[in-house]
Amino acid sequence: MDTDELRGSIWDYLFESRSTKSIDEIAVLADCDVAAVRSAVSHEWFTIAQDRVSIAYAAPSLRTSR
């Protein structure tokens, strides 16, 4: 599995689980090494805090009417 496929799988998994997961947990689930997971989640789609990964959510932009 390449990095983009792994990234998509991780995002889907986190979205379905609705919780953060450790990098180690994700590596076990994806049956790949920790370095591959770190590489995949070092992306704007994810937030990493204390070795736990979650989906990054953008704040909704405010529309200004003219």
N, C-alpha and C. Protein backbone atom coordinates (compact mmCIF):
# COMPACT_ATOMS: atom_id res chain seq x y z
N MET A 1 0.86 -1.17 0.00
CA MET A 1 0.00 0.00 0.00
C MET A 1 0.91 1.24 0.00
N ASP A 2 0.64 2.17 -0.89
CA ASP A 2 1.45 3.39 -0.91
C ASP A 2 0.94 4.39 0.13
N THR A 3 1.67 5.46 0.31
CA THR A 3 1.36 6.44 1.36
C THR A 3 -0.02 7.06 1.19
N ASP A 4 -0.41 7.39 -0.04
CA ASP A 4 -1.72 7.99 -0.27
C ASP A 4 -2.86 7.03 0.09
N GLU A 5 -2.70 5.76 -0.26
CA GLU A 5 -3.72 4.76 0.09
C GLU A 5 -3.79 4.57 1.60
N LEU A 6 -2.62 4.51 2.24
CA LEU A 6 -2.58 4.37 3.69
C LEU A 6 -3.24 5.57 4.36
N ARG A 7 -2.93 6.76 3.88
CA ARG A 7 -3.52 7.99 4.43
C ARG A 7 -5.04 7.94 4.34
N GLY A 8 -5.56 7.55 3.19
CA GLY A 8 -7.01 7.45 3.01
C GLY A 8 -7.62 6.42 3.94
N SER A 9 -6.96 5.28 4.10
CA SER A 9 -7.46 4.24 5.01
C SER A 9 -7.47 4.71 6.45
N ILE A 10 -6.42 5.41 6.85
CA ILE A 10 -6.35 5.94 8.22
C ILE A 10 -7.45 6.96 8.45
N TRP A 11 -7.66 7.85 7.49
CA TRP A 11 -8.71 8.86 7.63
C TRP A 11 -10.07 8.18 7.78
N ASP A 12 -10.35 7.20 6.92
CA ASP A 12 -11.62 6.47 7.00
C ASP A 12 -11.79 5.81 8.37
N TYR A 13 -10.74 5.18 8.84
CA TYR A 13 -10.79 4.49 10.13
C TYR A 13 -11.07 5.47 11.27
N LEU A 14 -10.36 6.59 11.28
CA LEU A 14 -10.58 7.58 12.33
C LEU A 14 -11.98 8.18 12.26
N PHE A 15 -12.46 8.40 11.05
CA PHE A 15 -13.81 8.96 10.88
C PHE A 15 -14.85 7.99 11.42
N GLU A 16 -14.71 6.72 11.09
CA GLU A 16 -15.68 5.71 11.54
C GLU A 16 -15.60 5.47 13.04
N SER A 17 -14.39 5.52 13.60
CA SER A 17 -14.24 5.25 15.03
C SER A 17 -14.62 6.46 15.89
N ARG A 18 -14.59 7.65 15.29
CA ARG A 18 -14.96 8.88 15.99
C ARG A 18 -14.14 9.10 17.26
N SER A 19 -12.87 8.68 17.21
CA SER A 19 -11.99 8.91 18.35
C SER A 19 -10.55 8.98 17.87
N THR A 20 -9.68 9.49 18.74
CA THR A 20 -8.27 9.52 18.39
C THR A 20 -7.68 8.12 18.57
N LYS A 21 -6.60 7.87 17.89
CA LYS A 21 -5.89 6.60 18.01
C LYS A 21 -4.40 6.90 18.07
N SER A 22 -3.67 6.05 18.76
CA SER A 22 -2.22 6.23 18.82
C SER A 22 -1.61 5.77 17.50
N ILE A 23 -0.44 6.27 17.23
CA ILE A 23 0.27 5.86 16.02
C ILE A 23 0.54 4.36 16.06
N ASP A 24 0.86 3.84 17.23
CA ASP A 24 1.09 2.39 17.36
C ASP A 24 -0.17 1.59 17.06
N GLU A 25 -1.32 2.04 17.56
CA GLU A 25 -2.59 1.35 17.28
C GLU A 25 -2.88 1.32 15.78
N ILE A 26 -2.66 2.44 15.14
CA ILE A 26 -2.91 2.53 13.70
C ILE A 26 -1.96 1.61 12.94
N ALA A 27 -0.70 1.55 13.35
CA ALA A 27 0.27 0.68 12.69
C ALA A 27 -0.14 -0.79 12.79
N VAL A 28 -0.61 -1.20 13.95
CA VAL A 28 -1.07 -2.58 14.13
C VAL A 28 -2.28 -2.84 13.24
N LEU A 29 -3.23 -1.93 13.27
CA LEU A 29 -4.44 -2.10 12.47
C LEU A 29 -4.12 -2.17 10.98
N ALA A 30 -3.23 -1.30 10.53
CA ALA A 30 -2.90 -1.23 9.10
C ALA A 30 -1.86 -2.28 8.70
N ASP A 31 -1.33 -3.01 9.67
CA ASP A 31 -0.30 -4.02 9.42
C ASP A 31 0.90 -3.43 8.68
N CYS A 32 1.37 -2.30 9.21
CA CYS A 32 2.56 -1.66 8.63
C CYS A 32 3.38 -1.06 9.76
N ASP A 33 4.56 -0.57 9.43
CA ASP A 33 5.43 -0.06 10.49
C ASP A 33 5.05 1.36 10.89
N VAL A 34 5.51 1.73 12.07
CA VAL A 34 5.20 3.02 12.66
C VAL A 34 5.69 4.16 11.76
N ALA A 35 6.85 3.99 11.13
CA ALA A 35 7.40 5.04 10.27
C ALA A 35 6.46 5.33 9.10
N ALA A 36 5.84 4.30 8.54
CA ALA A 36 4.90 4.50 7.42
C ALA A 36 3.67 5.27 7.89
N VAL A 37 3.19 4.95 9.09
CA VAL A 37 2.03 5.67 9.64
C VAL A 37 2.39 7.12 9.90
N ARG A 38 3.54 7.36 10.50
CA ARG A 38 3.98 8.75 10.77
C ARG A 38 4.05 9.55 9.47
N SER A 39 4.58 8.93 8.44
CA SER A 39 4.67 9.59 7.15
C SER A 39 3.29 9.91 6.59
N ALA A 40 2.37 8.97 6.71
CA ALA A 40 1.03 9.16 6.17
C ALA A 40 0.26 10.25 6.91
N VAL A 41 0.41 10.31 8.23
CA VAL A 41 -0.37 11.27 9.01
C VAL A 41 0.30 12.63 9.14
N SER A 42 1.49 12.76 8.62
CA SER A 42 2.14 14.08 8.58
C SER A 42 1.57 14.82 7.38
N HIS A 43 0.32 15.19 7.51
CA HIS A 43 -0.46 15.74 6.40
C HIS A 43 -1.54 16.65 6.97
N GLU A 44 -2.02 17.56 6.17
CA GLU A 44 -3.03 18.53 6.63
C GLU A 44 -4.35 17.88 7.05
N TRP A 45 -4.58 16.65 6.65
CA TRP A 45 -5.82 15.96 7.03
C TRP A 45 -5.85 15.57 8.50
N PHE A 46 -4.69 15.57 9.16
CA PHE A 46 -4.60 15.03 10.51
C PHE A 46 -3.98 16.02 11.49
N THR A 47 -4.32 15.82 12.76
CA THR A 47 -3.70 16.52 13.86
C THR A 47 -3.07 15.47 14.75
N ILE A 48 -1.84 15.73 15.18
CA ILE A 48 -1.14 14.80 16.06
C ILE A 48 -0.83 15.53 17.36
N ALA A 49 -1.26 14.94 18.47
CA ALA A 49 -1.00 15.51 19.79
C ALA A 49 -0.63 14.38 20.73
N GLN A 50 0.56 14.45 21.29
CA GLN A 50 1.05 13.43 22.22
C GLN A 50 0.95 12.03 21.63
N ASP A 51 1.37 11.89 20.38
CA ASP A 51 1.41 10.62 19.66
C ASP A 51 0.02 10.04 19.38
N ARG A 52 -1.01 10.87 19.49
CA ARG A 52 -2.37 10.44 19.15
C ARG A 52 -2.82 11.21 17.92
N VAL A 53 -3.46 10.50 17.02
CA VAL A 53 -3.84 11.06 15.73
C VAL A 53 -5.34 11.26 15.69
N SER A 54 -5.75 12.40 15.16
CA SER A 54 -7.17 12.66 14.94
C SER A 54 -7.32 13.35 13.59
N ILE A 55 -8.54 13.41 13.12
CA ILE A 55 -8.82 14.11 11.87
C ILE A 55 -8.77 15.61 12.15
N ALA A 56 -8.13 16.34 11.27
CA ALA A 56 -8.07 17.80 11.41
C ALA A 56 -9.36 18.38 10.83
N TYR A 57 -9.98 19.22 11.59
CA TYR A 57 -11.19 19.89 11.14
C TYR A 57 -10.91 21.37 10.97
N ALA A 58 -11.33 21.92 9.88
CA ALA A 58 -11.17 23.36 9.63
C ALA A 58 -12.37 24.08 10.19
N ALA A 59 -12.12 25.24 10.75
CA ALA A 59 -13.23 26.07 11.23
C ALA A 59 -13.98 26.61 10.01
N PRO A 60 -15.29 26.62 10.07
CA PRO A 60 -16.04 27.14 8.93
C PRO A 60 -15.71 28.62 8.70
N SER A 61 -15.60 28.98 7.45
CA SER A 61 -15.29 30.37 7.16
C SER A 61 -16.56 31.22 7.26
N LEU A 62 -16.37 32.44 7.65
CA LEU A 62 -17.51 33.34 7.76
C LEU A 62 -17.73 34.01 6.42
N ARG A 63 -18.93 33.98 5.94
CA ARG A 63 -19.26 34.64 4.68
C ARG A 63 -19.65 36.08 4.99
N THR A 64 -19.13 36.93 4.20
CA THR A 64 -19.53 38.33 4.34
C THR A 64 -20.43 38.69 3.17
N SER A 65 -21.53 39.28 3.50
CA SER A 65 -22.44 39.67 2.41
C SER A 65 -22.19 41.14 2.06
N ARG A 66 -22.35 41.43 0.83
CA ARG A 66 -22.13 42.79 0.36
C ARG A 66 -23.38 43.36 -0.20
